[in-house]
Amino acid sequence: MSVERGKVFWITGLSGAGKTTIGKELFKLVKEKEKNTVLLDGDEMREVFGNDLGYSKEDRFRCAMRYARICRMLANQGIHVIICTISMFEEVRAWNREEIAGYIEIYVRVPMELLKERNQKELYSECENGSTGNVVGMDLELELPKNPDLIIDNTGESTPEQIVDKIWKKFLQDI
């Protein structure tokens, strides 16, 4: 008996872009139709692994590859995965495309000025004043997604529900 593979919705963007908010809404909708669905969040995943990696470029890469391998493992068992992660490396996203059959990349794009204004975790202001470092988009370069399956400009003009409706119509209306 073969198991149908799950889909992986890799929701990426900078800190404060709205990845987790969108991911949670998408999870609720998909979970209603497909019970074999999980939501993974980058911040929570770090805790699951015991916060054993820092925020340097090298540690972030190791962390991202952990997430990618977990997503592949779950999808291969027929579980749909919604993961919300900064995912700053094109190499990781390319690996996902090669290794995960049901990979769908969603890039949540927000102008840096708006992210600094939102400054939800105070990362951007702390980086600007020198009290913290290793902030993606500030002192760590973000490798922009080269070919995401969907780009969402999350400037506040659409509600999370409207954004998820767009994702649903593009990728999920057949489930």
C-alpha atoms as a PDB file:
ATOM      1  CA  MET A   1       0.000   0.000   0.000  1.00  0.00           C
ATOM      2  CA  SER A   2       1.510   3.338  -1.012  1.00  0.00           C
ATOM      3  CA  VAL A   3       0.940   6.534   0.923  1.00  0.00           C
ATOM      4  CA  GLU A   4      -0.056   9.663  -0.956  1.00  0.00           C
ATOM      5  CA  ARG A   5       2.465  12.397  -0.277  1.00  0.00           C
ATOM      6  CA  GLY A   6       1.508  15.521   1.571  1.00  0.00           C
ATOM      7  CA  LYS A   7       2.040  19.068   0.428  1.00  0.00           C
ATOM      8  CA  VAL A   8       4.512  21.433   2.061  1.00  0.00           C
ATOM      9  CA  PHE A   9       3.507  25.090   2.187  1.00  0.00           C
ATOM     10  CA  TRP A  10       6.799  26.871   2.880  1.00  0.00           C
ATOM     11  CA  ILE A  11       5.752  30.387   3.954  1.00  0.00           C
ATOM     12  CA  THR A  12       8.796  32.629   3.940  1.00  0.00           C
ATOM     13  CA  GLY A  13       9.543  36.292   4.518  1.00  0.00           C
ATOM     14  CA  LEU A  14      11.316  38.580   6.937  1.00  0.00           C
ATOM     15  CA  SER A  15      10.554  38.856  10.644  1.00  0.00           C
ATOM     16  CA  GLY A  16       7.250  40.660  11.130  1.00  0.00           C
ATOM     17  CA  ALA A  17       6.021  40.015   7.588  1.00  0.00           C
ATOM     18  CA  GLY A  18       2.968  38.085   8.800  1.00  0.00           C
ATOM     19  CA  LYS A  19       4.121  34.528   8.033  1.00  0.00           C
ATOM     20  CA  THR A  20       2.797  32.992  11.242  1.00  0.00           C
ATOM     21  CA  THR A  21      -0.512  34.862  11.121  1.00  0.00           C
ATOM     22  CA  ILE A  22      -1.079  33.706   7.545  1.00  0.00           C
ATOM     23  CA  GLY A  23       0.142  30.196   8.383  1.00  0.00           C
ATOM     24  CA  LYS A  24      -2.266  29.837  11.297  1.00  0.00           C
ATOM     25  CA  GLU A  25      -5.218  30.917   9.160  1.00  0.00           C
ATOM     26  CA  LEU A  26      -4.183  28.560   6.364  1.00  0.00           C
ATOM     27  CA  PHE A  27      -3.784  25.727   8.873  1.00  0.00           C
ATOM     28  CA  LYS A  28      -7.333  26.202  10.200  1.00  0.00           C
ATOM     29  CA  LEU A  29      -8.749  26.040   6.698  1.00  0.00           C
ATOM     30  CA  VAL A  30      -6.718  23.059   5.485  1.00  0.00           C
ATOM     31  CA  LYS A  31      -7.206  21.151   8.753  1.00  0.00           C
ATOM     32  CA  GLU A  32     -10.989  21.300   8.262  1.00  0.00           C
ATOM     33  CA  LYS A  33     -10.600  19.341   5.002  1.00  0.00           C
ATOM     34  CA  GLU A  34      -7.469  17.307   5.714  1.00  0.00           C
ATOM     35  CA  LYS A  35      -6.954  16.071   9.275  1.00  0.00           C
ATOM     36  CA  ASN A  36      -3.397  14.993   8.432  1.00  0.00           C
ATOM     37  CA  THR A  37      -2.118  18.582   8.548  1.00  0.00           C
ATOM     38  CA  VAL A  38       0.468  20.168  10.845  1.00  0.00           C
ATOM     39  CA  LEU A  39       1.641  23.720  11.444  1.00  0.00           C
ATOM     40  CA  LEU A  40       5.325  24.375  12.119  1.00  0.00           C
ATOM     41  CA  ASP A  41       6.692  27.760  13.133  1.00  0.00           C
ATOM     42  CA  GLY A  42      10.381  28.635  12.977  1.00  0.00           C
ATOM     43  CA  ASP A  43      10.479  30.185  16.456  1.00  0.00           C
ATOM     44  CA  GLU A  44       8.698  27.198  18.000  1.00  0.00           C
ATOM     45  CA  MET A  45      10.894  24.748  16.085  1.00  0.00           C
ATOM     46  CA  ARG A  46      14.025  26.316  17.581  1.00  0.00           C
ATOM     47  CA  GLU A  47      12.577  25.590  21.027  1.00  0.00           C
ATOM     48  CA  VAL A  48      11.700  22.001  20.052  1.00  0.00           C
ATOM     49  CA  PHE A  49      15.365  21.455  19.195  1.00  0.00           C
ATOM     50  CA  GLY A  50      16.468  22.906  22.522  1.00  0.00           C
ATOM     51  CA  ASN A  51      17.603  26.290  21.213  1.00  0.00           C
ATOM     52  CA  ASP A  52      20.951  24.707  20.388  1.00  0.00           C
ATOM     53  CA  LEU A  53      21.677  27.000  17.426  1.00  0.00           C
ATOM     54  CA  GLY A  54      22.245  30.735  17.400  1.00  0.00           C
ATOM     55  CA  TYR A  55      21.403  33.300  14.761  1.00  0.00           C
ATOM     56  CA  SER A  56      24.637  33.475  12.795  1.00  0.00           C
ATOM     57  CA  LYS A  57      24.454  32.810   9.075  1.00  0.00           C
ATOM     58  CA  GLU A  58      25.896  29.312   9.580  1.00  0.00           C
ATOM     59  CA  ASP A  59      23.514  28.432  12.417  1.00  0.00           C
ATOM     60  CA  ARG A  60      20.550  29.765  10.461  1.00  0.00           C
ATOM     61  CA  PHE A  61      21.515  27.557   7.523  1.00  0.00           C
ATOM     62  CA  ARG A  62      21.753  24.448   9.747  1.00  0.00           C
ATOM     63  CA  CYS A  63      18.394  25.319  11.283  1.00  0.00           C
ATOM     64  CA  ALA A  64      16.740  25.812   7.884  1.00  0.00           C
ATOM     65  CA  MET A  65      18.017  22.455   6.663  1.00  0.00           C
ATOM     66  CA  ARG A  66      16.563  20.803   9.764  1.00  0.00           C
ATOM     67  CA  TYR A  67      13.184  22.288   8.917  1.00  0.00           C
ATOM     68  CA  ALA A  68      13.470  21.212   5.288  1.00  0.00           C
ATOM     69  CA  ARG A  69      14.287  17.608   6.207  1.00  0.00           C
ATOM     70  CA  ILE A  70      11.456  17.426   8.737  1.00  0.00           C
ATOM     71  CA  CYS A  71       9.024  18.761   6.134  1.00  0.00           C
ATOM     72  CA  ARG A  72      10.195  16.168   3.611  1.00  0.00           C
ATOM     73  CA  MET A  73       9.851  13.374   6.169  1.00  0.00           C
ATOM     74  CA  LEU A  74       6.309  14.409   7.120  1.00  0.00           C
ATOM     75  CA  ALA A  75       5.204  14.951   3.505  1.00  0.00           C
ATOM     76  CA  ASN A  76       6.563  11.516   2.574  1.00  0.00           C
ATOM     77  CA  GLN A  77       4.237  10.086   5.243  1.00  0.00           C
ATOM     78  CA  GLY A  78       1.217  11.784   3.705  1.00  0.00           C
ATOM     79  CA  ILE A  79       1.078  14.721   6.098  1.00  0.00           C
ATOM     80  CA  HIS A  80       0.425  18.234   4.811  1.00  0.00           C
ATOM     81  CA  VAL A  81       2.841  20.728   6.358  1.00  0.00           C
ATOM     82  CA  ILE A  82       2.445  24.459   6.726  1.00  0.00           C
ATOM     83  CA  ILE A  83       5.755  25.946   7.859  1.00  0.00           C
ATOM     84  CA  CYS A  84       6.427  29.590   8.640  1.00  0.00           C
ATOM     85  CA  THR A  85      10.124  30.441   8.525  1.00  0.00           C
ATOM     86  CA  ILE A  86      12.385  33.283   7.414  1.00  0.00           C
ATOM     87  CA  SER A  87      14.253  30.888   5.124  1.00  0.00           C
ATOM     88  CA  MET A  88      16.930  33.319   3.988  1.00  0.00           C
ATOM     89  CA  PHE A  89      18.874  30.879   1.786  1.00  0.00           C
ATOM     90  CA  GLU A  90      18.136  30.125  -1.849  1.00  0.00           C
ATOM     91  CA  GLU A  91      20.120  26.890  -1.453  1.00  0.00           C
ATOM     92  CA  VAL A  92      17.581  25.588   1.080  1.00  0.00           C
ATOM     93  CA  ARG A  93      14.610  26.559  -1.062  1.00  0.00           C
ATOM     94  CA  ALA A  94      16.262  24.893  -4.103  1.00  0.00           C
ATOM     95  CA  TRP A  95      16.829  21.746  -2.000  1.00  0.00           C
ATOM     96  CA  ASN A  96      13.144  21.795  -1.078  1.00  0.00           C
ATOM     97  CA  ARG A  97      12.094  21.977  -4.725  1.00  0.00           C
ATOM     98  CA  GLU A  98      14.365  19.061  -5.577  1.00  0.00           C
ATOM     99  CA  GLU A  99      13.591  16.859  -2.566  1.00  0.00           C
ATOM    100  CA  ILE A 100       9.939  17.563  -1.663  1.00  0.00           C
ATOM    101  CA  ALA A 101       7.429  16.461  -4.289  1.00  0.00           C
ATOM    102  CA  GLY A 102       4.543  18.633  -3.029  1.00  0.00           C
ATOM    103  CA  TYR A 103       6.585  21.753  -2.252  1.00  0.00           C
ATOM    104  CA  ILE A 104       4.798  25.105  -2.553  1.00  0.00           C
ATOM    105  CA  GLU A 105       6.765  28.254  -1.779  1.00  0.00           C
ATOM    106  CA  ILE A 106       4.902  31.354  -0.647  1.00  0.00           C
ATOM    107  CA  TYR A 107       6.903  34.543  -0.205  1.00  0.00           C
ATOM    108  CA  VAL A 108       5.352  37.157   2.069  1.00  0.00           C
ATOM    109  CA  ARG A 109       6.901  40.417   0.925  1.00  0.00           C
ATOM    110  CA  VAL A 110       6.790  43.569   3.026  1.00  0.00           C
ATOM    111  CA  PRO A 111       8.855  46.734   2.450  1.00  0.00           C
ATOM    112  CA  MET A 112      11.619  47.170   5.042  1.00  0.00           C
ATOM    113  CA  GLU A 113      10.267  50.603   6.013  1.00  0.00           C
ATOM    114  CA  LEU A 114       6.958  49.000   6.997  1.00  0.00           C
ATOM    115  CA  LEU A 115       8.686  46.177   8.887  1.00  0.00           C
ATOM    116  CA  LYS A 116      10.718  48.736  10.849  1.00  0.00           C
ATOM    117  CA  GLU A 117       7.512  50.617  11.594  1.00  0.00           C
ATOM    118  CA  ARG A 118       5.763  47.437  12.790  1.00  0.00           C
ATOM    119  CA  ASN A 119       8.918  46.330  14.666  1.00  0.00           C
ATOM    120  CA  GLN A 120       6.907  43.619  16.440  1.00  0.00           C
ATOM    121  CA  LYS A 121       9.813  41.899  18.157  1.00  0.00           C
ATOM    122  CA  GLU A 122      11.907  45.090  18.384  1.00  0.00           C
ATOM    123  CA  LEU A 123      14.537  43.346  16.252  1.00  0.00           C
ATOM    124  CA  TYR A 124      14.886  46.127  13.710  1.00  0.00           C
ATOM    125  CA  SER A 125      15.235  48.988  16.195  1.00  0.00           C
ATOM    126  CA  GLU A 126      17.655  46.956  18.331  1.00  0.00           C
ATOM    127  CA  CYS A 127      19.749  46.176  15.276  1.00  0.00           C
ATOM    128  CA  GLU A 128      19.780  49.820  14.224  1.00  0.00           C
ATOM    129  CA  ASN A 129      20.906  50.986  17.665  1.00  0.00           C
ATOM    130  CA  GLY A 130      23.550  48.243  17.878  1.00  0.00           C
ATOM    131  CA  SER A 131      22.105  46.311  20.832  1.00  0.00           C
ATOM    132  CA  THR A 132      21.556  43.183  18.738  1.00  0.00           C
ATOM    133  CA  GLY A 133      22.846  41.720  15.514  1.00  0.00           C
ATOM    134  CA  ASN A 134      22.296  38.890  13.034  1.00  0.00           C
ATOM    135  CA  VAL A 135      18.966  40.298  11.891  1.00  0.00           C
ATOM    136  CA  VAL A 136      17.963  39.083   8.440  1.00  0.00           C
ATOM    137  CA  GLY A 137      17.366  42.003   6.115  1.00  0.00           C
ATOM    138  CA  MET A 138      19.504  44.309   8.229  1.00  0.00           C
ATOM    139  CA  ASP A 139      23.010  43.007   8.922  1.00  0.00           C
ATOM    140  CA  LEU A 140      22.375  39.531   7.465  1.00  0.00           C
ATOM    141  CA  GLU A 141      21.533  39.397   3.789  1.00  0.00           C
ATOM    142  CA  LEU A 142      18.288  37.838   2.651  1.00  0.00           C
ATOM    143  CA  GLU A 143      18.617  35.865  -0.549  1.00  0.00           C
ATOM    144  CA  LEU A 144      15.292  36.734  -2.132  1.00  0.00           C
ATOM    145  CA  PRO A 145      13.250  33.805  -3.428  1.00  0.00           C
ATOM    146  CA  LYS A 146      14.034  33.377  -7.121  1.00  0.00           C
ATOM    147  CA  ASN A 147      10.850  31.632  -8.191  1.00  0.00           C
ATOM    148  CA  PRO A 148       8.227  31.395  -5.433  1.00  0.00           C
ATOM    149  CA  ASP A 149       4.936  29.833  -6.385  1.00  0.00           C
ATOM    150  CA  LEU A 150       3.128  32.836  -4.937  1.00  0.00           C
ATOM    151  CA  ILE A 151       4.209  36.302  -3.790  1.00  0.00           C
ATOM    152  CA  ILE A 152       2.002  38.016  -1.250  1.00  0.00           C
ATOM    153  CA  ASP A 153       2.519  41.733  -0.718  1.00  0.00           C
ATOM    154  CA  ASN A 154       1.435  42.057   2.898  1.00  0.00           C
ATOM    155  CA  THR A 155       1.208  45.801   3.348  1.00  0.00           C
ATOM    156  CA  GLY A 156      -1.940  45.681   5.463  1.00  0.00           C
ATOM    157  CA  GLU A 157      -4.381  46.233   2.620  1.00  0.00           C
ATOM    158  CA  SER A 158      -5.655  42.631   2.799  1.00  0.00           C
ATOM    159  CA  THR A 159      -6.781  40.730   5.869  1.00  0.00           C
ATOM    160  CA  PRO A 160      -5.109  37.406   6.700  1.00  0.00           C
ATOM    161  CA  GLU A 161      -8.360  35.709   5.682  1.00  0.00           C
ATOM    162  CA  GLN A 162      -8.274  37.384   2.265  1.00  0.00           C
ATOM    163  CA  ILE A 163      -4.655  36.327   1.793  1.00  0.00           C
ATOM    164  CA  VAL A 164      -5.461  32.734   2.751  1.00  0.00           C
ATOM    165  CA  ASP A 165      -8.407  32.758   0.368  1.00  0.00           C
ATOM    166  CA  LYS A 166      -5.960  33.637  -2.417  1.00  0.00           C
ATOM    167  CA  ILE A 167      -3.694  30.717  -1.393  1.00  0.00           C
ATOM    168  CA  TRP A 168      -6.711  28.399  -1.199  1.00  0.00           C
ATOM    169  CA  LYS A 169      -7.945  29.307  -4.664  1.00  0.00           C
ATOM    170  CA  LYS A 170      -4.499  28.883  -6.213  1.00  0.00           C
ATOM    171  CA  PHE A 171      -3.395  25.616  -4.569  1.00  0.00           C
ATOM    172  CA  LEU A 172      -6.087  23.916  -2.506  1.00  0.00           C
ATOM    173  CA  GLN A 173      -9.589  24.205  -3.873  1.00  0.00           C
ATOM    174  CA  ASP A 174      -9.407  20.602  -5.151  1.00  0.00           C
ATOM    175  CA  ILE A 175      -8.815  18.977  -1.747  1.00  0.00           C
END
